[in-house]
PDB file of all heavy atoms in Angstrom:
ATOM      1  N   ASP A   1      21.245 -20.732 -21.396  1.00  0.00           N
ATOM      2  CA  ASP A   1      20.480 -21.867 -21.878  1.00  0.00           C
ATOM      3  C   ASP A   1      19.934 -22.622 -20.676  1.00  0.00           C
ATOM      4  O   ASP A   1      20.691 -23.141 -19.868  1.00  0.00           O
ATOM      5  CB  ASP A   1      21.369 -22.769 -22.728  1.00  0.00           C
ATOM      6  CG  ASP A   1      20.562 -23.833 -23.440  1.00  0.00           C
ATOM      7  OD1 ASP A   1      19.357 -23.608 -23.657  1.00  0.00           O
ATOM      8  OD2 ASP A   1      21.145 -24.865 -23.775  1.00  0.00           O
ATOM      9  N   PHE A   2      18.608 -22.589 -20.532  1.00  0.00           N
ATOM     10  CA  PHE A   2      17.978 -23.268 -19.403  1.00  0.00           C
ATOM     11  C   PHE A   2      17.531 -24.662 -19.819  1.00  0.00           C
ATOM     12  O   PHE A   2      16.923 -24.846 -20.870  1.00  0.00           O
ATOM     13  CB  PHE A   2      16.760 -22.485 -18.894  1.00  0.00           C
ATOM     14  CG  PHE A   2      17.115 -21.196 -18.222  1.00  0.00           C
ATOM     15  CD1 PHE A   2      16.870 -19.979 -18.835  1.00  0.00           C
ATOM     16  CD2 PHE A   2      17.704 -21.198 -16.965  1.00  0.00           C
ATOM     17  CE1 PHE A   2      17.179 -18.798 -18.213  1.00  0.00           C
ATOM     18  CE2 PHE A   2      18.024 -20.015 -16.341  1.00  0.00           C
ATOM     19  CZ  PHE A   2      17.766 -18.809 -16.951  1.00  0.00           C
ATOM     20  N   SER A   3      17.806 -25.606 -18.959  1.00  0.00           N
ATOM     21  CA  SER A   3      17.331 -26.964 -19.210  1.00  0.00           C
ATOM     22  C   SER A   3      15.884 -27.065 -18.742  1.00  0.00           C
ATOM     23  O   SER A   3      15.425 -26.257 -17.932  1.00  0.00           O
ATOM     24  CB  SER A   3      18.208 -27.969 -18.470  1.00  0.00           C
ATOM     25  OG  SER A   3      18.017 -27.846 -17.085  1.00  0.00           O
ATOM     26  N   PRO A   4      15.154 -28.021 -19.215  1.00  0.00           N
ATOM     27  CA  PRO A   4      13.757 -28.185 -18.769  1.00  0.00           C
ATOM     28  C   PRO A   4      13.651 -28.396 -17.256  1.00  0.00           C
ATOM     29  O   PRO A   4      12.738 -27.889 -16.620  1.00  0.00           O
ATOM     30  CB  PRO A   4      13.274 -29.412 -19.537  1.00  0.00           C
ATOM     31  CG  PRO A   4      14.143 -29.507 -20.732  1.00  0.00           C
ATOM     32  CD  PRO A   4      15.474 -28.951 -20.314  1.00  0.00           C
ATOM     33  N   PHE A   5      14.625 -29.099 -16.684  1.00  0.00           N
ATOM     34  CA  PHE A   5      14.602 -29.332 -15.235  1.00  0.00           C
ATOM     35  C   PHE A   5      14.742 -28.022 -14.463  1.00  0.00           C
ATOM     36  O   PHE A   5      14.018 -27.768 -13.503  1.00  0.00           O
ATOM     37  CB  PHE A   5      15.722 -30.305 -14.841  1.00  0.00           C
ATOM     38  CG  PHE A   5      15.804 -30.528 -13.361  1.00  0.00           C
ATOM     39  CD1 PHE A   5      14.854 -31.302 -12.698  1.00  0.00           C
ATOM     40  CD2 PHE A   5      16.826 -29.945 -12.612  1.00  0.00           C
ATOM     41  CE1 PHE A   5      14.919 -31.496 -11.333  1.00  0.00           C
ATOM     42  CE2 PHE A   5      16.888 -30.138 -11.246  1.00  0.00           C
ATOM     43  CZ  PHE A   5      15.942 -30.923 -10.604  1.00  0.00           C
ATOM     44  N   SER A   6      15.666 -27.158 -14.859  1.00  0.00           N
ATOM     45  CA  SER A   6      15.865 -25.894 -14.152  1.00  0.00           C
ATOM     46  C   SER A   6      14.654 -24.979 -14.316  1.00  0.00           C
ATOM     47  O   SER A   6      14.319 -24.218 -13.402  1.00  0.00           O
ATOM     48  CB  SER A   6      17.143 -25.205 -14.614  1.00  0.00           C
ATOM     49  OG  SER A   6      17.063 -24.887 -15.982  1.00  0.00           O
ATOM     50  N   MET A   7      13.984 -25.030 -15.459  1.00  0.00           N
ATOM     51  CA  MET A   7      12.775 -24.229 -15.643  1.00  0.00           C
ATOM     52  C   MET A   7      11.652 -24.715 -14.729  1.00  0.00           C
ATOM     53  O   MET A   7      10.937 -23.908 -14.135  1.00  0.00           O
ATOM     54  CB  MET A   7      12.328 -24.259 -17.107  1.00  0.00           C
ATOM     55  CG  MET A   7      13.170 -23.392 -18.004  1.00  0.00           C
ATOM     56  SD  MET A   7      12.432 -23.119 -19.610  1.00  0.00           S
ATOM     57  CE  MET A   7      13.076 -24.517 -20.500  1.00  0.00           C
ATOM     58  N   VAL A   8      11.513 -26.005 -14.576  1.00  0.00           N
ATOM     59  CA  VAL A   8      10.493 -26.562 -13.683  1.00  0.00           C
ATOM     60  C   VAL A   8      10.790 -26.160 -12.250  1.00  0.00           C
ATOM     61  O   VAL A   8       9.901 -25.742 -11.499  1.00  0.00           O
ATOM     62  CB  VAL A   8      10.406 -28.096 -13.835  1.00  0.00           C
ATOM     63  CG1 VAL A   8       9.555 -28.704 -12.731  1.00  0.00           C
ATOM     64  CG2 VAL A   8       9.863 -28.469 -15.197  1.00  0.00           C
ATOM     65  N   VAL A   9      12.053 -26.245 -11.858  1.00  0.00           N
ATOM     66  CA  VAL A   9      12.451 -25.857 -10.495  1.00  0.00           C
ATOM     67  C   VAL A   9      12.172 -24.371 -10.274  1.00  0.00           C
ATOM     68  O   VAL A   9      11.662 -23.965  -9.225  1.00  0.00           O
ATOM     69  CB  VAL A   9      13.933 -26.198 -10.236  1.00  0.00           C
ATOM     70  CG1 VAL A   9      14.421 -25.568  -8.941  1.00  0.00           C
ATOM     71  CG2 VAL A   9      14.133 -27.702 -10.216  1.00  0.00           C
ATOM     72  N   ALA A  10      12.460 -23.533 -11.253  1.00  0.00           N
ATOM     73  CA  ALA A  10      12.217 -22.094 -11.118  1.00  0.00           C
ATOM     74  C   ALA A  10      10.720 -21.804 -11.007  1.00  0.00           C
ATOM     75  O   ALA A  10      10.298 -20.981 -10.179  1.00  0.00           O
ATOM     76  CB  ALA A  10      12.808 -21.351 -12.307  1.00  0.00           C
ATOM     77  N   ILE A  11       9.914 -22.478 -11.806  1.00  0.00           N
ATOM     78  CA  ILE A  11       8.465 -22.260 -11.756  1.00  0.00           C
ATOM     79  C   ILE A  11       7.908 -22.691 -10.406  1.00  0.00           C
ATOM     80  O   ILE A  11       7.095 -21.984  -9.797  1.00  0.00           O
ATOM     81  CB  ILE A  11       7.767 -23.009 -12.917  1.00  0.00           C
ATOM     82  CG1 ILE A  11       8.103 -22.334 -14.247  1.00  0.00           C
ATOM     83  CG2 ILE A  11       6.263 -23.064 -12.710  1.00  0.00           C
ATOM     84  CD1 ILE A  11       7.657 -23.125 -15.462  1.00  0.00           C
ATOM     85  N   VAL A  12       8.369 -23.830  -9.910  1.00  0.00           N
ATOM     86  CA  VAL A  12       7.904 -24.304  -8.599  1.00  0.00           C
ATOM     87  C   VAL A  12       8.338 -23.347  -7.503  1.00  0.00           C
ATOM     88  O   VAL A  12       7.557 -23.000  -6.606  1.00  0.00           O
ATOM     89  CB  VAL A  12       8.411 -25.744  -8.328  1.00  0.00           C
ATOM     90  CG1 VAL A  12       8.173 -26.147  -6.887  1.00  0.00           C
ATOM     91  CG2 VAL A  12       7.743 -26.721  -9.278  1.00  0.00           C
ATOM     92  N   ALA A  13       9.570 -22.867  -7.561  1.00  0.00           N
ATOM     93  CA  ALA A  13      10.072 -21.938  -6.541  1.00  0.00           C
ATOM     94  C   ALA A  13       9.279 -20.630  -6.557  1.00  0.00           C
ATOM     95  O   ALA A  13       8.920 -20.091  -5.502  1.00  0.00           O
ATOM     96  CB  ALA A  13      11.556 -21.667  -6.763  1.00  0.00           C
ATOM     97  N   ILE A  14       8.988 -20.116  -7.719  1.00  0.00           N
ATOM     98  CA  ILE A  14       8.210 -18.875  -7.837  1.00  0.00           C
ATOM     99  C   ILE A  14       6.795 -19.094  -7.310  1.00  0.00           C
ATOM    100  O   ILE A  14       6.255 -18.247  -6.581  1.00  0.00           O
ATOM    101  CB  ILE A  14       8.200 -18.380  -9.299  1.00  0.00           C
ATOM    102  CG1 ILE A  14       9.587 -17.880  -9.693  1.00  0.00           C
ATOM    103  CG2 ILE A  14       7.163 -17.277  -9.489  1.00  0.00           C
ATOM    104  CD1 ILE A  14       9.741 -17.580 -11.174  1.00  0.00           C
ATOM    105  N   SER A  15       6.189 -20.228  -7.635  1.00  0.00           N
ATOM    106  CA  SER A  15       4.824 -20.520  -7.167  1.00  0.00           C
ATOM    107  C   SER A  15       4.769 -20.646  -5.655  1.00  0.00           C
ATOM    108  O   SER A  15       3.866 -20.104  -5.005  1.00  0.00           O
ATOM    109  CB  SER A  15       4.305 -21.804  -7.809  1.00  0.00           C
ATOM    110  OG  SER A  15       4.252 -21.677  -9.197  1.00  0.00           O
ATOM    111  N   VAL A  16       5.731 -21.357  -5.080  1.00  0.00           N
ATOM    112  CA  VAL A  16       5.763 -21.517  -3.620  1.00  0.00           C
ATOM    113  C   VAL A  16       6.006 -20.173  -2.948  1.00  0.00           C
ATOM    114  O   VAL A  16       5.363 -19.826  -1.954  1.00  0.00           O
ATOM    115  CB  VAL A  16       6.833 -22.554  -3.219  1.00  0.00           C
ATOM    116  CG1 VAL A  16       7.074 -22.543  -1.722  1.00  0.00           C
ATOM    117  CG2 VAL A  16       6.419 -23.944  -3.673  1.00  0.00           C
ATOM    118  N   GLY A  17       6.917 -19.384  -3.494  1.00  0.00           N
ATOM    119  CA  GLY A  17       7.196 -18.055  -2.926  1.00  0.00           C
ATOM    120  C   GLY A  17       5.971 -17.151  -2.974  1.00  0.00           C
ATOM    121  O   GLY A  17       5.667 -16.437  -2.012  1.00  0.00           O
ATOM    122  N   ALA A  18       5.238 -17.198  -4.088  1.00  0.00           N
ATOM    123  CA  ALA A  18       4.027 -16.382  -4.211  1.00  0.00           C
ATOM    124  C   ALA A  18       2.966 -16.841  -3.213  1.00  0.00           C
ATOM    125  O   ALA A  18       2.267 -16.018  -2.613  1.00  0.00           O
ATOM    126  CB  ALA A  18       3.491 -16.450  -5.634  1.00  0.00           C
ATOM    127  N   GLY A  19       2.846 -18.152  -3.016  1.00  0.00           N
ATOM    128  CA  GLY A  19       1.885 -18.673  -2.037  1.00  0.00           C
ATOM    129  C   GLY A  19       2.225 -18.240  -0.628  1.00  0.00           C
ATOM    130  O   GLY A  19       1.350 -17.876   0.156  1.00  0.00           O
ATOM    131  N   VAL A  20       3.514 -18.283  -0.287  1.00  0.00           N
ATOM    132  CA  VAL A  20       3.943 -17.863   1.048  1.00  0.00           C
ATOM    133  C   VAL A  20       3.648 -16.378   1.260  1.00  0.00           C
ATOM    134  O   VAL A  20       3.135 -15.973   2.304  1.00  0.00           O
ATOM    135  CB  VAL A  20       5.447 -18.169   1.255  1.00  0.00           C
ATOM    136  CG1 VAL A  20       5.984 -17.491   2.499  1.00  0.00           C
ATOM    137  CG2 VAL A  20       5.672 -19.678   1.320  1.00  0.00           C
ATOM    138  N   LEU A  21       3.959 -15.555   0.269  1.00  0.00           N
ATOM    139  CA  LEU A  21       3.680 -14.118   0.383  1.00  0.00           C
ATOM    140  C   LEU A  21       2.182 -13.855   0.500  1.00  0.00           C
ATOM    141  O   LEU A  21       1.751 -13.000   1.286  1.00  0.00           O
ATOM    142  CB  LEU A  21       4.247 -13.361  -0.821  1.00  0.00           C
ATOM    143  CG  LEU A  21       5.752 -13.134  -0.815  1.00  0.00           C
ATOM    144  CD1 LEU A  21       6.182 -12.491  -2.126  1.00  0.00           C
ATOM    145  CD2 LEU A  21       6.158 -12.270   0.362  1.00  0.00           C
ATOM    146  N   ASN A  22       1.385 -14.565  -0.267  1.00  0.00           N
ATOM    147  CA  ASN A  22      -0.067 -14.409  -0.209  1.00  0.00           C
ATOM    148  C   ASN A  22      -0.584 -14.735   1.189  1.00  0.00           C
ATOM    149  O   ASN A  22      -1.387 -13.983   1.755  1.00  0.00           O
ATOM    150  CB  ASN A  22      -0.726 -15.295  -1.260  1.00  0.00           C
ATOM    151  CG  ASN A  22      -2.193 -15.014  -1.409  1.00  0.00           C
ATOM    152  OD1 ASN A  22      -2.664 -13.935  -1.075  1.00  0.00           O
ATOM    153  ND2 ASN A  22      -2.926 -15.985  -1.912  1.00  0.00           N
ATOM    154  N   ASN A  23      -0.133 -15.832   1.765  1.00  0.00           N
ATOM    155  CA  ASN A  23      -0.553 -16.202   3.118  1.00  0.00           C
ATOM    156  C   ASN A  23      -0.084 -15.191   4.151  1.00  0.00           C
ATOM    157  O   ASN A  23      -0.799 -14.870   5.094  1.00  0.00           O
ATOM    158  CB  ASN A  23      -0.033 -17.594   3.483  1.00  0.00           C
ATOM    159  CG  ASN A  23      -0.788 -18.684   2.766  1.00  0.00           C
ATOM    160  OD1 ASN A  23      -1.916 -18.473   2.323  1.00  0.00           O
ATOM    161  ND2 ASN A  23      -0.164 -19.836   2.626  1.00  0.00           N
ATOM    162  N   TYR A  24       1.113 -14.660   3.983  1.00  0.00           N
ATOM    163  CA  TYR A  24       1.636 -13.652   4.907  1.00  0.00           C
ATOM    164  C   TYR A  24       0.748 -12.401   4.897  1.00  0.00           C
ATOM    165  O   TYR A  24       0.382 -11.880   5.954  1.00  0.00           O
ATOM    166  CB  TYR A  24       3.068 -13.279   4.517  1.00  0.00           C
ATOM    167  CG  TYR A  24       3.603 -12.085   5.270  1.00  0.00           C
ATOM    168  CD1 TYR A  24       3.992 -12.191   6.594  1.00  0.00           C
ATOM    169  CD2 TYR A  24       3.703 -10.845   4.650  1.00  0.00           C
ATOM    170  CE1 TYR A  24       4.468 -11.101   7.285  1.00  0.00           C
ATOM    171  CE2 TYR A  24       4.179  -9.747   5.326  1.00  0.00           C
ATOM    172  CZ  TYR A  24       4.567  -9.875   6.647  1.00  0.00           C
ATOM    173  OH  TYR A  24       5.032  -8.785   7.328  1.00  0.00           O
ATOM    174  N   PHE A  25       0.383 -11.927   3.719  1.00  0.00           N
ATOM    175  CA  PHE A  25      -0.446 -10.726   3.635  1.00  0.00           C
ATOM    176  C   PHE A  25      -1.858 -10.971   4.173  1.00  0.00           C
ATOM    177  O   PHE A  25      -2.450 -10.091   4.805  1.00  0.00           O
ATOM    178  CB  PHE A  25      -0.496 -10.193   2.202  1.00  0.00           C
ATOM    179  CG  PHE A  25       0.812  -9.591   1.749  1.00  0.00           C
ATOM    180  CD1 PHE A  25       1.401 -10.007   0.567  1.00  0.00           C
ATOM    181  CD2 PHE A  25       1.451  -8.628   2.498  1.00  0.00           C
ATOM    182  CE1 PHE A  25       2.600  -9.457   0.147  1.00  0.00           C
ATOM    183  CE2 PHE A  25       2.645  -8.067   2.098  1.00  0.00           C
ATOM    184  CZ  PHE A  25       3.237  -8.488   0.917  1.00  0.00           C
ATOM    185  N   LYS A  26      -2.398 -12.167   3.948  1.00  0.00           N
ATOM    186  CA  LYS A  26      -3.712 -12.492   4.502  1.00  0.00           C
ATOM    187  C   LYS A  26      -3.679 -12.492   6.027  1.00  0.00           C
ATOM    188  O   LYS A  26      -4.574 -11.968   6.685  1.00  0.00           O
ATOM    189  CB  LYS A  26      -4.182 -13.851   3.996  1.00  0.00           C
ATOM    190  CG  LYS A  26      -4.731 -13.853   2.597  1.00  0.00           C
ATOM    191  CD  LYS A  26      -5.234 -15.233   2.214  1.00  0.00           C
ATOM    192  CE  LYS A  26      -5.752 -15.269   0.810  1.00  0.00           C
ATOM    193  NZ  LYS A  26      -6.199 -16.616   0.422  1.00  0.00           N
TER     194      LYS A  26
END
């Protein structure tokens, strides 16, 4: 059972991680 706060944290973490990977490949 995920709380709304943990879902927001997970979405932000995934977005930041994807941005970092995108910049690394560029």
